[in-house]
Amino acid sequence: MDAAVTPPLRVLVARAEGISAAAAQSRLHAFLNKYEDRRRLASNGGDSTISAQLEKLTDALNEEADARMKHASQK
């Protein structure tokens, strides 16, 4: 018989505050650098799926920032 599956914890949002794409990009880059450092030190190498998804998010934020800058410069 399989072990009982424990559902993930629910995170309830107590407060939300919007930030710019540039601020999100900066925070994400800092997080990715720290995450990669921890992943390299881990004996099993960490989860590459998480890294790939975070890199996709970073790329999307970069594209959004570039598009906004391009749009702003055309005005």
N, C-alpha and C. Protein backbone atom coordinates (compact mmCIF):
# COMPACT_ATOMS: atom_id res chain seq x y z
N MET A 1 0.84 -1.18 0.00
CA MET A 1 0.00 0.00 0.00
C MET A 1 0.88 1.24 0.00
N ASP A 2 0.50 2.24 -0.77
CA ASP A 2 1.27 3.48 -0.84
C ASP A 2 1.15 4.28 0.44
N ALA A 3 2.19 5.05 0.72
CA ALA A 3 2.16 5.94 1.88
C ALA A 3 1.14 7.05 1.63
N ALA A 4 0.57 7.54 2.72
CA ALA A 4 -0.41 8.62 2.60
C ALA A 4 0.26 9.87 2.03
N VAL A 5 -0.42 10.50 1.13
CA VAL A 5 0.11 11.72 0.51
C VAL A 5 -0.32 12.91 1.37
N THR A 6 0.65 13.72 1.74
CA THR A 6 0.36 14.90 2.53
C THR A 6 0.21 16.09 1.60
N PRO A 7 -0.92 16.77 1.64
CA PRO A 7 -1.09 17.92 0.75
C PRO A 7 -0.14 19.05 1.16
N PRO A 8 0.19 19.91 0.20
CA PRO A 8 1.08 21.03 0.53
C PRO A 8 0.38 22.01 1.47
N LEU A 9 1.18 22.76 2.19
CA LEU A 9 0.63 23.77 3.08
C LEU A 9 -0.06 24.86 2.26
N ARG A 10 -1.08 25.42 2.81
CA ARG A 10 -1.76 26.54 2.15
C ARG A 10 -1.15 27.83 2.68
N VAL A 11 -0.82 28.70 1.78
CA VAL A 11 -0.28 29.99 2.16
C VAL A 11 -1.37 31.03 1.91
N LEU A 12 -1.75 31.71 2.97
CA LEU A 12 -2.77 32.73 2.84
C LEU A 12 -2.09 34.10 2.75
N VAL A 13 -2.48 34.87 1.78
CA VAL A 13 -1.90 36.19 1.59
C VAL A 13 -2.53 37.16 2.58
N ALA A 14 -1.68 37.78 3.38
CA ALA A 14 -2.16 38.75 4.35
C ALA A 14 -2.13 40.16 3.78
N ARG A 15 -1.21 40.38 2.84
CA ARG A 15 -1.06 41.71 2.27
C ARG A 15 -0.35 41.58 0.93
N ALA A 16 -0.71 42.41 -0.01
CA ALA A 16 -0.06 42.39 -1.32
C ALA A 16 0.36 43.81 -1.68
N GLU A 17 1.53 43.90 -2.28
CA GLU A 17 2.06 45.20 -2.69
C GLU A 17 2.70 45.03 -4.05
N GLY A 18 2.29 45.84 -5.00
CA GLY A 18 2.83 45.75 -6.34
C GLY A 18 4.24 46.33 -6.42
N ILE A 19 5.07 45.74 -7.27
CA ILE A 19 6.40 46.28 -7.51
C ILE A 19 6.62 46.32 -9.02
N SER A 20 7.57 47.12 -9.43
CA SER A 20 7.84 47.25 -10.86
C SER A 20 8.51 45.98 -11.38
N ALA A 21 8.49 45.83 -12.70
CA ALA A 21 9.15 44.68 -13.32
C ALA A 21 10.65 44.73 -13.04
N ALA A 22 11.23 45.93 -13.03
CA ALA A 22 12.67 46.06 -12.77
C ALA A 22 13.00 45.62 -11.34
N ALA A 23 12.16 46.00 -10.38
CA ALA A 23 12.40 45.59 -8.99
C ALA A 23 12.25 44.08 -8.83
N ALA A 24 11.22 43.52 -9.50
CA ALA A 24 11.02 42.07 -9.44
C ALA A 24 12.20 41.35 -10.08
N GLN A 25 12.68 41.88 -11.20
CA GLN A 25 13.83 41.28 -11.89
C GLN A 25 15.06 41.31 -10.99
N SER A 26 15.29 42.42 -10.33
CA SER A 26 16.45 42.56 -9.44
C SER A 26 16.37 41.56 -8.29
N ARG A 27 15.20 41.47 -7.68
CA ARG A 27 15.03 40.52 -6.56
C ARG A 27 15.18 39.08 -7.03
N LEU A 28 14.65 38.80 -8.22
CA LEU A 28 14.75 37.45 -8.74
C LEU A 28 16.19 37.07 -9.06
N HIS A 29 16.96 38.01 -9.63
CA HIS A 29 18.37 37.74 -9.90
C HIS A 29 19.12 37.44 -8.60
N ALA A 30 18.86 38.23 -7.57
CA ALA A 30 19.53 38.01 -6.27
C ALA A 30 19.15 36.64 -5.71
N PHE A 31 17.85 36.29 -5.80
CA PHE A 31 17.41 34.99 -5.31
C PHE A 31 18.06 33.85 -6.10
N LEU A 32 18.08 33.99 -7.43
CA LEU A 32 18.67 32.94 -8.27
C LEU A 32 20.15 32.73 -7.95
N ASN A 33 20.88 33.81 -7.73
CA ASN A 33 22.30 33.68 -7.39
C ASN A 33 22.47 32.92 -6.08
N LYS A 34 21.68 33.27 -5.07
CA LYS A 34 21.76 32.57 -3.78
C LYS A 34 21.32 31.12 -3.92
N TYR A 35 20.25 30.90 -4.70
CA TYR A 35 19.75 29.54 -4.90
C TYR A 35 20.79 28.66 -5.60
N GLU A 36 21.43 29.21 -6.63
CA GLU A 36 22.46 28.45 -7.35
C GLU A 36 23.64 28.11 -6.43
N ASP A 37 24.03 29.05 -5.58
CA ASP A 37 25.11 28.78 -4.63
C ASP A 37 24.73 27.63 -3.70
N ARG A 38 23.49 27.66 -3.19
CA ARG A 38 23.04 26.58 -2.30
C ARG A 38 22.96 25.25 -3.06
N ARG A 39 22.48 25.30 -4.31
CA ARG A 39 22.31 24.08 -5.11
C ARG A 39 23.67 23.44 -5.39
N ARG A 40 24.67 24.27 -5.67
CA ARG A 40 26.01 23.73 -5.94
C ARG A 40 26.59 23.05 -4.72
N LEU A 41 26.29 23.59 -3.54
CA LEU A 41 26.83 23.02 -2.31
C LEU A 41 26.09 21.76 -1.86
N ALA A 42 24.86 21.59 -2.33
CA ALA A 42 24.06 20.43 -1.93
C ALA A 42 24.69 19.15 -2.51
N SER A 43 24.63 18.10 -1.73
CA SER A 43 25.25 16.84 -2.16
C SER A 43 24.54 16.23 -3.36
N ASN A 44 23.20 16.43 -3.47
CA ASN A 44 22.47 15.84 -4.59
C ASN A 44 22.29 16.80 -5.76
N GLY A 45 22.77 18.01 -5.64
CA GLY A 45 22.70 18.95 -6.76
C GLY A 45 21.41 19.73 -6.86
N GLY A 46 20.43 19.47 -6.01
CA GLY A 46 19.19 20.23 -6.02
C GLY A 46 18.26 19.81 -7.16
N ASP A 47 17.19 20.52 -7.30
CA ASP A 47 16.17 20.22 -8.30
C ASP A 47 16.35 21.14 -9.50
N SER A 48 16.74 20.57 -10.63
CA SER A 48 16.99 21.37 -11.83
C SER A 48 15.70 21.92 -12.43
N THR A 49 14.57 21.30 -12.14
CA THR A 49 13.29 21.78 -12.66
C THR A 49 12.97 23.15 -12.09
N ILE A 50 13.22 23.32 -10.80
CA ILE A 50 12.98 24.61 -10.16
C ILE A 50 13.87 25.67 -10.80
N SER A 51 15.13 25.35 -10.99
CA SER A 51 16.06 26.30 -11.61
C SER A 51 15.58 26.70 -12.99
N ALA A 52 15.14 25.73 -13.78
CA ALA A 52 14.67 26.02 -15.13
C ALA A 52 13.46 26.94 -15.12
N GLN A 53 12.51 26.70 -14.22
CA GLN A 53 11.32 27.54 -14.13
C GLN A 53 11.68 28.96 -13.68
N LEU A 54 12.60 29.08 -12.73
CA LEU A 54 13.02 30.40 -12.28
C LEU A 54 13.75 31.16 -13.38
N GLU A 55 14.53 30.46 -14.17
CA GLU A 55 15.22 31.11 -15.28
C GLU A 55 14.22 31.57 -16.35
N LYS A 56 13.17 30.79 -16.58
CA LYS A 56 12.13 31.21 -17.53
C LYS A 56 11.43 32.47 -17.03
N LEU A 57 11.17 32.53 -15.73
CA LEU A 57 10.55 33.72 -15.16
C LEU A 57 11.45 34.92 -15.31
N THR A 58 12.74 34.75 -15.07
CA THR A 58 13.70 35.83 -15.24
C THR A 58 13.71 36.32 -16.67
N ASP A 59 13.73 35.40 -17.62
CA ASP A 59 13.72 35.78 -19.04
C ASP A 59 12.45 36.55 -19.40
N ALA A 60 11.32 36.11 -18.86
CA ALA A 60 10.06 36.79 -19.14
C ALA A 60 10.07 38.21 -18.58
N LEU A 61 10.62 38.38 -17.38
CA LEU A 61 10.71 39.72 -16.79
C LEU A 61 11.66 40.60 -17.60
N ASN A 62 12.75 40.02 -18.09
CA ASN A 62 13.68 40.79 -18.93
C ASN A 62 12.98 41.25 -20.21
N GLU A 63 12.21 40.36 -20.83
CA GLU A 63 11.49 40.72 -22.05
C GLU A 63 10.47 41.82 -21.78
N GLU A 64 9.78 41.70 -20.65
CA GLU A 64 8.78 42.72 -20.31
C GLU A 64 9.44 44.07 -20.08
N ALA A 65 10.55 44.09 -19.38
CA ALA A 65 11.27 45.34 -19.12
C ALA A 65 11.77 45.95 -20.43
N ASP A 66 12.31 45.11 -21.32
CA ASP A 66 12.78 45.60 -22.61
C ASP A 66 11.64 46.19 -23.44
N ALA A 67 10.50 45.51 -23.44
CA ALA A 67 9.34 45.99 -24.20
C ALA A 67 8.84 47.31 -23.65
N ARG A 68 8.83 47.45 -22.33
CA ARG A 68 8.38 48.72 -21.73
C ARG A 68 9.34 49.85 -22.07
N MET A 69 10.63 49.57 -22.03
CA MET A 69 11.61 50.59 -22.35
C MET A 69 11.49 51.00 -23.82
N LYS A 70 11.29 50.03 -24.69
CA LYS A 70 11.15 50.30 -26.12
C LYS A 70 9.89 51.14 -26.37
N HIS A 71 8.81 50.76 -25.70
CA HIS A 71 7.54 51.48 -25.86
C HIS A 71 7.67 52.91 -25.33
N ALA A 72 8.34 53.08 -24.20
CA ALA A 72 8.51 54.41 -23.59
C ALA A 72 9.39 55.30 -24.46
N SER A 73 10.38 54.72 -25.13
CA SER A 73 11.27 55.52 -25.96
C SER A 73 10.60 55.95 -27.26
N GLN A 74 9.54 55.27 -27.67
CA GLN A 74 8.84 55.61 -28.91
C GLN A 74 7.86 56.76 -28.71
N LYS A 75 7.56 57.09 -27.47
CA LYS A 75 6.59 58.16 -27.18
C LYS A 75 7.22 59.51 -27.35
